[in-house]
Amino acid sequence: MADLFKLQIITPERKFYQGEASMVELTTTEGNIGVYKHHIPLTAIVAPGILKIHEEGEVKEAALMSGFIEILPESIVIMAEVVEWPDEIDSNRAEEAKIRAERRLKGQSEVDVVRAEAALKRAMVRLSLTK
């Protein structure tokens, strides 16, 4: 039996996930991290990426866009601005967002490059879970 910790993922709209996990993997502004039970206390800023929740015998994946993670030795709380299960993602909308962001980045007009790059990253994360 794996060493489990309590995991809670909340958004402004709902409690996205509450349960026990043996490991969680996600992207922070400092890079990718994987967390097991008894991790040192840590708070980090979440960056767009794939969230992997390792439960006993199963790995669940979700698109996690932004927020904060609080890691304690016995529990983890992710306060997410946006997080979606693969079946909640509209792949057509994500593809359109990707195309728009790529056009903005290629265009010669004054463009907020940081915003366009962030939109492209979010679209790519969503699309990676729908294929």
N, C-alpha and C. Protein backbone atom coordinates (compact mmCIF):
# COMPACT_ATOMS: atom_id res chain seq x y z
N MET A 1 0.83 -1.18 0.00
CA MET A 1 0.00 0.00 0.00
C MET A 1 0.87 1.24 0.00
N ALA A 2 0.56 2.16 -0.86
CA ALA A 2 1.34 3.40 -0.98
C ALA A 2 1.08 4.31 0.20
N ASP A 3 2.04 5.17 0.45
CA ASP A 3 1.93 6.19 1.49
C ASP A 3 1.08 7.33 0.95
N LEU A 4 -0.14 7.48 1.42
CA LEU A 4 -1.09 8.44 0.85
C LEU A 4 -1.14 9.73 1.66
N PHE A 5 -1.43 10.82 0.96
CA PHE A 5 -1.66 12.11 1.59
C PHE A 5 -3.00 12.65 1.10
N LYS A 6 -3.52 13.65 1.81
CA LYS A 6 -4.78 14.27 1.42
C LYS A 6 -4.50 15.33 0.37
N LEU A 7 -5.30 15.30 -0.69
CA LEU A 7 -5.17 16.26 -1.77
C LEU A 7 -6.51 16.94 -1.98
N GLN A 8 -6.46 18.26 -2.02
CA GLN A 8 -7.67 19.05 -2.28
C GLN A 8 -7.33 20.07 -3.36
N ILE A 9 -8.19 20.14 -4.39
CA ILE A 9 -8.02 21.11 -5.47
C ILE A 9 -9.31 21.91 -5.54
N ILE A 10 -9.19 23.21 -5.34
CA ILE A 10 -10.37 24.06 -5.34
C ILE A 10 -10.21 25.19 -6.35
N THR A 11 -11.33 25.59 -6.92
CA THR A 11 -11.38 26.73 -7.83
C THR A 11 -12.40 27.71 -7.27
N PRO A 12 -12.48 28.90 -7.83
CA PRO A 12 -13.52 29.82 -7.36
C PRO A 12 -14.95 29.28 -7.55
N GLU A 13 -15.15 28.40 -8.53
CA GLU A 13 -16.48 27.88 -8.83
C GLU A 13 -16.83 26.58 -8.13
N ARG A 14 -15.82 25.75 -7.80
CA ARG A 14 -16.15 24.43 -7.28
C ARG A 14 -14.97 23.77 -6.58
N LYS A 15 -15.29 22.69 -5.89
CA LYS A 15 -14.27 21.82 -5.33
C LYS A 15 -13.97 20.81 -6.43
N PHE A 16 -12.84 20.95 -7.10
CA PHE A 16 -12.51 20.15 -8.27
C PHE A 16 -12.17 18.71 -7.89
N TYR A 17 -11.42 18.54 -6.80
CA TYR A 17 -10.97 17.21 -6.41
C TYR A 17 -10.74 17.19 -4.91
N GLN A 18 -11.14 16.10 -4.28
CA GLN A 18 -10.82 15.88 -2.88
C GLN A 18 -10.65 14.39 -2.71
N GLY A 19 -9.50 13.99 -2.24
CA GLY A 19 -9.24 12.57 -2.06
C GLY A 19 -7.85 12.33 -1.55
N GLU A 20 -7.40 11.08 -1.71
CA GLU A 20 -6.07 10.70 -1.28
C GLU A 20 -5.24 10.31 -2.49
N ALA A 21 -3.98 10.68 -2.45
CA ALA A 21 -3.07 10.39 -3.56
C ALA A 21 -1.72 9.94 -3.00
N SER A 22 -0.99 9.21 -3.81
CA SER A 22 0.36 8.80 -3.42
C SER A 22 1.40 9.78 -3.97
N MET A 23 1.04 10.50 -5.03
CA MET A 23 1.94 11.48 -5.64
C MET A 23 1.12 12.44 -6.49
N VAL A 24 1.62 13.65 -6.61
CA VAL A 24 1.01 14.62 -7.51
C VAL A 24 2.15 15.27 -8.31
N GLU A 25 1.93 15.44 -9.61
CA GLU A 25 2.91 16.08 -10.49
C GLU A 25 2.24 17.28 -11.14
N LEU A 26 2.98 18.41 -11.22
CA LEU A 26 2.45 19.61 -11.84
C LEU A 26 3.59 20.54 -12.22
N THR A 27 3.23 21.61 -12.91
CA THR A 27 4.20 22.60 -13.34
C THR A 27 4.04 23.85 -12.48
N THR A 28 5.17 24.35 -11.99
CA THR A 28 5.19 25.61 -11.26
C THR A 28 6.01 26.60 -12.07
N THR A 29 6.04 27.83 -11.62
CA THR A 29 6.85 28.84 -12.32
C THR A 29 8.35 28.52 -12.22
N GLU A 30 8.72 27.65 -11.31
CA GLU A 30 10.12 27.24 -11.15
C GLU A 30 10.45 25.95 -11.90
N GLY A 31 9.43 25.31 -12.48
CA GLY A 31 9.65 24.06 -13.21
C GLY A 31 8.68 22.98 -12.76
N ASN A 32 8.86 21.78 -13.29
CA ASN A 32 8.00 20.65 -12.96
C ASN A 32 8.38 20.08 -11.60
N ILE A 33 7.37 19.70 -10.81
CA ILE A 33 7.64 19.07 -9.53
C ILE A 33 6.74 17.85 -9.35
N GLY A 34 7.23 16.92 -8.58
CA GLY A 34 6.46 15.76 -8.14
C GLY A 34 6.54 15.73 -6.63
N VAL A 35 5.41 15.49 -5.98
CA VAL A 35 5.36 15.58 -4.53
C VAL A 35 4.78 14.31 -3.94
N TYR A 36 5.49 13.77 -2.95
CA TYR A 36 5.04 12.62 -2.18
C TYR A 36 4.69 13.08 -0.76
N LYS A 37 4.10 12.17 0.00
CA LYS A 37 3.81 12.44 1.41
C LYS A 37 5.12 12.75 2.14
N HIS A 38 5.07 13.56 3.15
CA HIS A 38 6.19 13.97 3.99
C HIS A 38 7.13 14.95 3.29
N HIS A 39 6.66 15.59 2.24
CA HIS A 39 7.46 16.64 1.57
C HIS A 39 7.63 17.80 2.53
N ILE A 40 8.74 18.50 2.39
CA ILE A 40 8.92 19.68 3.24
C ILE A 40 7.86 20.73 2.90
N PRO A 41 7.44 21.52 3.87
CA PRO A 41 6.45 22.56 3.58
C PRO A 41 6.94 23.50 2.49
N LEU A 42 6.05 23.83 1.56
CA LEU A 42 6.41 24.66 0.41
C LEU A 42 5.15 25.30 -0.15
N THR A 43 5.29 26.52 -0.59
CA THR A 43 4.24 27.20 -1.33
C THR A 43 4.83 27.62 -2.66
N ALA A 44 4.09 27.39 -3.75
CA ALA A 44 4.61 27.72 -5.08
C ALA A 44 3.48 28.25 -5.96
N ILE A 45 3.88 28.94 -7.02
CA ILE A 45 2.94 29.46 -8.00
C ILE A 45 2.81 28.43 -9.12
N VAL A 46 1.57 28.09 -9.46
CA VAL A 46 1.29 27.10 -10.50
C VAL A 46 1.37 27.78 -11.87
N ALA A 47 1.97 27.08 -12.82
CA ALA A 47 2.05 27.53 -14.22
C ALA A 47 1.23 26.55 -15.07
N PRO A 48 0.84 26.95 -16.27
CA PRO A 48 0.06 26.04 -17.12
C PRO A 48 0.79 24.73 -17.39
N GLY A 49 0.07 23.64 -17.24
CA GLY A 49 0.65 22.33 -17.49
C GLY A 49 -0.34 21.22 -17.16
N ILE A 50 0.14 20.00 -17.30
CA ILE A 50 -0.68 18.82 -17.01
C ILE A 50 -0.50 18.47 -15.53
N LEU A 51 -1.62 18.34 -14.84
CA LEU A 51 -1.63 17.89 -13.45
C LEU A 51 -1.85 16.39 -13.48
N LYS A 52 -0.98 15.65 -12.78
CA LYS A 52 -1.14 14.20 -12.68
C LYS A 52 -1.35 13.84 -11.21
N ILE A 53 -2.47 13.19 -10.96
CA ILE A 53 -2.82 12.75 -9.62
C ILE A 53 -2.66 11.23 -9.58
N HIS A 54 -1.69 10.76 -8.81
CA HIS A 54 -1.43 9.33 -8.71
C HIS A 54 -2.24 8.78 -7.53
N GLU A 55 -3.27 8.03 -7.87
CA GLU A 55 -4.06 7.34 -6.86
C GLU A 55 -3.60 5.89 -6.87
N GLU A 56 -4.11 5.10 -5.95
CA GLU A 56 -3.72 3.69 -5.94
C GLU A 56 -4.21 3.01 -7.21
N GLY A 57 -3.29 2.58 -8.06
CA GLY A 57 -3.63 1.86 -9.27
C GLY A 57 -4.10 2.70 -10.44
N GLU A 58 -4.07 4.02 -10.32
CA GLU A 58 -4.59 4.88 -11.39
C GLU A 58 -3.91 6.24 -11.36
N VAL A 59 -3.75 6.83 -12.54
CA VAL A 59 -3.25 8.20 -12.66
C VAL A 59 -4.30 9.02 -13.39
N LYS A 60 -4.79 10.08 -12.73
CA LYS A 60 -5.76 10.98 -13.34
C LYS A 60 -5.02 12.20 -13.84
N GLU A 61 -5.40 12.69 -15.01
CA GLU A 61 -4.77 13.87 -15.58
C GLU A 61 -5.80 14.98 -15.76
N ALA A 62 -5.32 16.22 -15.59
CA ALA A 62 -6.18 17.38 -15.79
C ALA A 62 -5.32 18.53 -16.30
N ALA A 63 -5.96 19.48 -16.95
CA ALA A 63 -5.28 20.70 -17.42
C ALA A 63 -5.36 21.72 -16.30
N LEU A 64 -4.20 22.09 -15.76
CA LEU A 64 -4.11 23.06 -14.66
C LEU A 64 -3.46 24.31 -15.21
N MET A 65 -4.16 25.44 -15.14
CA MET A 65 -3.69 26.66 -15.80
C MET A 65 -2.93 27.62 -14.90
N SER A 66 -3.44 27.87 -13.72
CA SER A 66 -2.77 28.83 -12.85
C SER A 66 -3.32 28.70 -11.44
N GLY A 67 -2.57 29.25 -10.49
CA GLY A 67 -3.00 29.22 -9.11
C GLY A 67 -1.82 29.09 -8.18
N PHE A 68 -2.07 28.52 -7.01
CA PHE A 68 -1.05 28.34 -6.00
C PHE A 68 -1.15 26.93 -5.44
N ILE A 69 -0.02 26.41 -4.96
CA ILE A 69 -0.02 25.11 -4.29
C ILE A 69 0.61 25.30 -2.92
N GLU A 70 -0.05 24.71 -1.92
CA GLU A 70 0.48 24.69 -0.57
C GLU A 70 0.76 23.24 -0.23
N ILE A 71 2.02 22.94 0.05
CA ILE A 71 2.43 21.58 0.34
C ILE A 71 2.80 21.50 1.82
N LEU A 72 2.16 20.57 2.51
CA LEU A 72 2.46 20.27 3.91
C LEU A 72 2.82 18.79 3.98
N PRO A 73 3.46 18.33 5.04
CA PRO A 73 3.88 16.92 5.09
C PRO A 73 2.76 15.90 4.91
N GLU A 74 1.53 16.22 5.37
CA GLU A 74 0.42 15.26 5.31
C GLU A 74 -0.66 15.64 4.31
N SER A 75 -0.56 16.84 3.68
CA SER A 75 -1.63 17.26 2.78
C SER A 75 -1.13 18.29 1.77
N ILE A 76 -1.87 18.38 0.68
CA ILE A 76 -1.58 19.37 -0.37
C ILE A 76 -2.90 20.04 -0.75
N VAL A 77 -2.84 21.35 -0.88
CA VAL A 77 -3.99 22.10 -1.35
C VAL A 77 -3.56 22.89 -2.58
N ILE A 78 -4.29 22.73 -3.67
CA ILE A 78 -4.05 23.52 -4.87
C ILE A 78 -5.24 24.46 -5.03
N MET A 79 -4.94 25.75 -5.02
CA MET A 79 -5.97 26.76 -5.25
C MET A 79 -5.80 27.21 -6.69
N ALA A 80 -6.67 26.71 -7.55
CA ALA A 80 -6.53 26.89 -8.99
C ALA A 80 -7.49 27.93 -9.52
N GLU A 81 -6.98 28.74 -10.44
CA GLU A 81 -7.85 29.67 -11.14
C GLU A 81 -8.70 28.89 -12.15
N VAL A 82 -8.03 28.00 -12.90
CA VAL A 82 -8.71 27.15 -13.89
C VAL A 82 -8.07 25.77 -13.87
N VAL A 83 -8.90 24.74 -13.78
CA VAL A 83 -8.45 23.35 -13.90
C VAL A 83 -9.60 22.57 -14.52
N GLU A 84 -9.27 21.69 -15.49
CA GLU A 84 -10.30 20.97 -16.25
C GLU A 84 -9.90 19.51 -16.47
N TRP A 85 -10.88 18.63 -16.30
CA TRP A 85 -10.69 17.24 -16.69
C TRP A 85 -10.70 17.17 -18.22
N PRO A 86 -10.08 16.17 -18.83
CA PRO A 86 -10.06 16.07 -20.29
C PRO A 86 -11.44 16.12 -20.94
N ASP A 87 -12.45 15.50 -20.32
CA ASP A 87 -13.79 15.50 -20.93
C ASP A 87 -14.51 16.84 -20.80
N GLU A 88 -13.95 17.77 -20.06
CA GLU A 88 -14.53 19.11 -19.92
C GLU A 88 -13.95 20.10 -20.94
N ILE A 89 -12.93 19.67 -21.66
CA ILE A 89 -12.23 20.55 -22.60
C ILE A 89 -12.91 20.52 -23.96
N ASP A 90 -13.20 21.68 -24.49
CA ASP A 90 -13.75 21.82 -25.84
C ASP A 90 -12.55 21.90 -26.79
N SER A 91 -12.26 20.80 -27.47
CA SER A 91 -11.06 20.75 -28.32
C SER A 91 -11.13 21.73 -29.49
N ASN A 92 -12.31 21.96 -30.04
CA ASN A 92 -12.44 22.93 -31.14
C ASN A 92 -12.10 24.34 -30.66
N ARG A 93 -12.61 24.69 -29.49
CA ARG A 93 -12.32 26.01 -28.92
C ARG A 93 -10.83 26.15 -28.61
N ALA A 94 -10.21 25.10 -28.08
CA ALA A 94 -8.79 25.13 -27.78
C ALA A 94 -7.96 25.27 -29.06
N GLU A 95 -8.37 24.58 -30.12
CA GLU A 95 -7.66 24.68 -31.41
C GLU A 95 -7.77 26.10 -31.97
N GLU A 96 -8.96 26.70 -31.86
CA GLU A 96 -9.14 28.08 -32.33
C GLU A 96 -8.28 29.05 -31.52
N ALA A 97 -8.20 28.84 -30.22
CA ALA A 97 -7.37 29.70 -29.36
C ALA A 97 -5.90 29.57 -29.73
N LYS A 98 -5.48 28.36 -30.06
CA LYS A 98 -4.09 28.12 -30.48
C LYS A 98 -3.79 28.88 -31.78
N ILE A 99 -4.69 28.77 -32.74
CA ILE A 99 -4.51 29.45 -34.03
C ILE A 99 -4.45 30.96 -33.84
N ARG A 100 -5.37 31.51 -33.02
CA ARG A 100 -5.37 32.96 -32.76
C ARG A 100 -4.05 33.41 -32.12
N ALA A 101 -3.59 32.66 -31.15
CA ALA A 101 -2.34 33.03 -30.46
C ALA A 101 -1.15 32.96 -31.41
N GLU A 102 -1.11 31.93 -32.26
CA GLU A 102 -0.01 31.81 -33.22
C GLU A 102 -0.03 32.97 -34.22
N ARG A 103 -1.22 33.38 -34.65
CA ARG A 103 -1.33 34.52 -35.57
C ARG A 103 -0.82 35.80 -34.92
N ARG A 104 -1.21 35.99 -33.65
CA ARG A 104 -0.75 37.19 -32.94
C ARG A 104 0.77 37.22 -32.81
N LEU A 105 1.35 36.08 -32.58
CA LEU A 105 2.81 36.02 -32.42
C LEU A 105 3.52 36.22 -33.76
N LYS A 106 2.92 35.81 -34.86
CA LYS A 106 3.54 35.96 -36.18
C LYS A 106 3.30 37.33 -36.78
N GLY A 107 2.23 38.00 -36.37
CA GLY A 107 1.86 39.29 -36.95
C GLY A 107 2.89 40.37 -36.69
N GLN A 108 2.90 41.37 -37.54
CA GLN A 108 3.85 42.48 -37.43
C GLN A 108 3.30 43.62 -36.58
N SER A 109 2.05 43.55 -36.19
CA SER A 109 1.45 44.64 -35.43
C SER A 109 1.93 44.60 -33.97
N GLU A 110 1.61 45.67 -33.26
CA GLU A 110 1.92 45.73 -31.84
C GLU A 110 1.09 44.67 -31.13
N VAL A 111 1.77 43.74 -30.54
CA VAL A 111 1.09 42.63 -29.89
C VAL A 111 1.68 42.46 -28.50
N ASP A 112 0.83 42.14 -27.55
CA ASP A 112 1.31 41.80 -26.22
C ASP A 112 1.83 40.36 -26.28
N VAL A 113 3.12 40.22 -26.51
CA VAL A 113 3.73 38.91 -26.73
C VAL A 113 3.54 37.99 -25.53
N VAL A 114 3.68 38.51 -24.34
CA VAL A 114 3.53 37.69 -23.14
C VAL A 114 2.12 37.09 -23.06
N ARG A 115 1.11 37.91 -23.33
CA ARG A 115 -0.28 37.42 -23.30
C ARG A 115 -0.51 36.38 -24.40
N ALA A 116 0.01 36.64 -25.58
CA ALA A 116 -0.16 35.69 -26.68
C ALA A 116 0.54 34.36 -26.39
N GLU A 117 1.74 34.43 -25.82
CA GLU A 117 2.47 33.21 -25.46
C GLU A 117 1.73 32.42 -24.38
N ALA A 118 1.17 33.14 -23.40
CA ALA A 118 0.41 32.47 -22.34
C ALA A 118 -0.84 31.80 -22.91
N ALA A 119 -1.53 32.48 -23.81
CA ALA A 119 -2.72 31.90 -24.45
C ALA A 119 -2.35 30.67 -25.26
N LEU A 120 -1.23 30.73 -25.95
CA LEU A 120 -0.77 29.58 -26.73
C LEU A 120 -0.45 28.41 -25.82
N LYS A 121 0.22 28.66 -24.70
CA LYS A 121 0.57 27.60 -23.76
C LYS A 121 -0.70 26.94 -23.19
N ARG A 122 -1.69 27.74 -22.80
CA ARG A 122 -2.94 27.19 -22.28
C ARG A 122 -3.64 26.32 -23.32
N ALA A 123 -3.67 26.80 -24.56
CA ALA A 123 -4.31 26.03 -25.64
C ALA A 123 -3.57 24.71 -25.86
N MET A 124 -2.25 24.74 -25.85
CA MET A 124 -1.46 23.53 -26.08
C MET A 124 -1.67 22.51 -24.95
N VAL A 125 -1.77 22.99 -23.71
CA VAL A 125 -2.02 22.09 -22.57
C VAL A 125 -3.38 21.41 -22.76
N ARG A 126 -4.39 22.20 -23.08
CA ARG A 126 -5.73 21.62 -23.28
C ARG A 126 -5.72 20.60 -24.42
N LEU A 127 -5.11 20.98 -25.54
CA LEU A 127 -5.09 20.07 -26.69
C LEU A 127 -4.33 18.78 -26.40
N SER A 128 -3.29 18.84 -25.57
CA SER A 128 -2.52 17.63 -25.27
C SER A 128 -3.37 16.60 -24.52
N LEU A 129 -4.40 17.05 -23.83
CA LEU A 129 -5.27 16.12 -23.10
C LEU A 129 -6.46 15.62 -23.92
N THR A 130 -6.72 16.25 -25.06
CA THR A 130 -7.88 15.84 -25.85
C THR A 130 -7.52 14.91 -27.00
N LYS A 131 -6.26 14.64 -27.20
CA LYS A 131 -5.84 13.78 -28.33
C LYS A 131 -5.51 12.39 -27.89
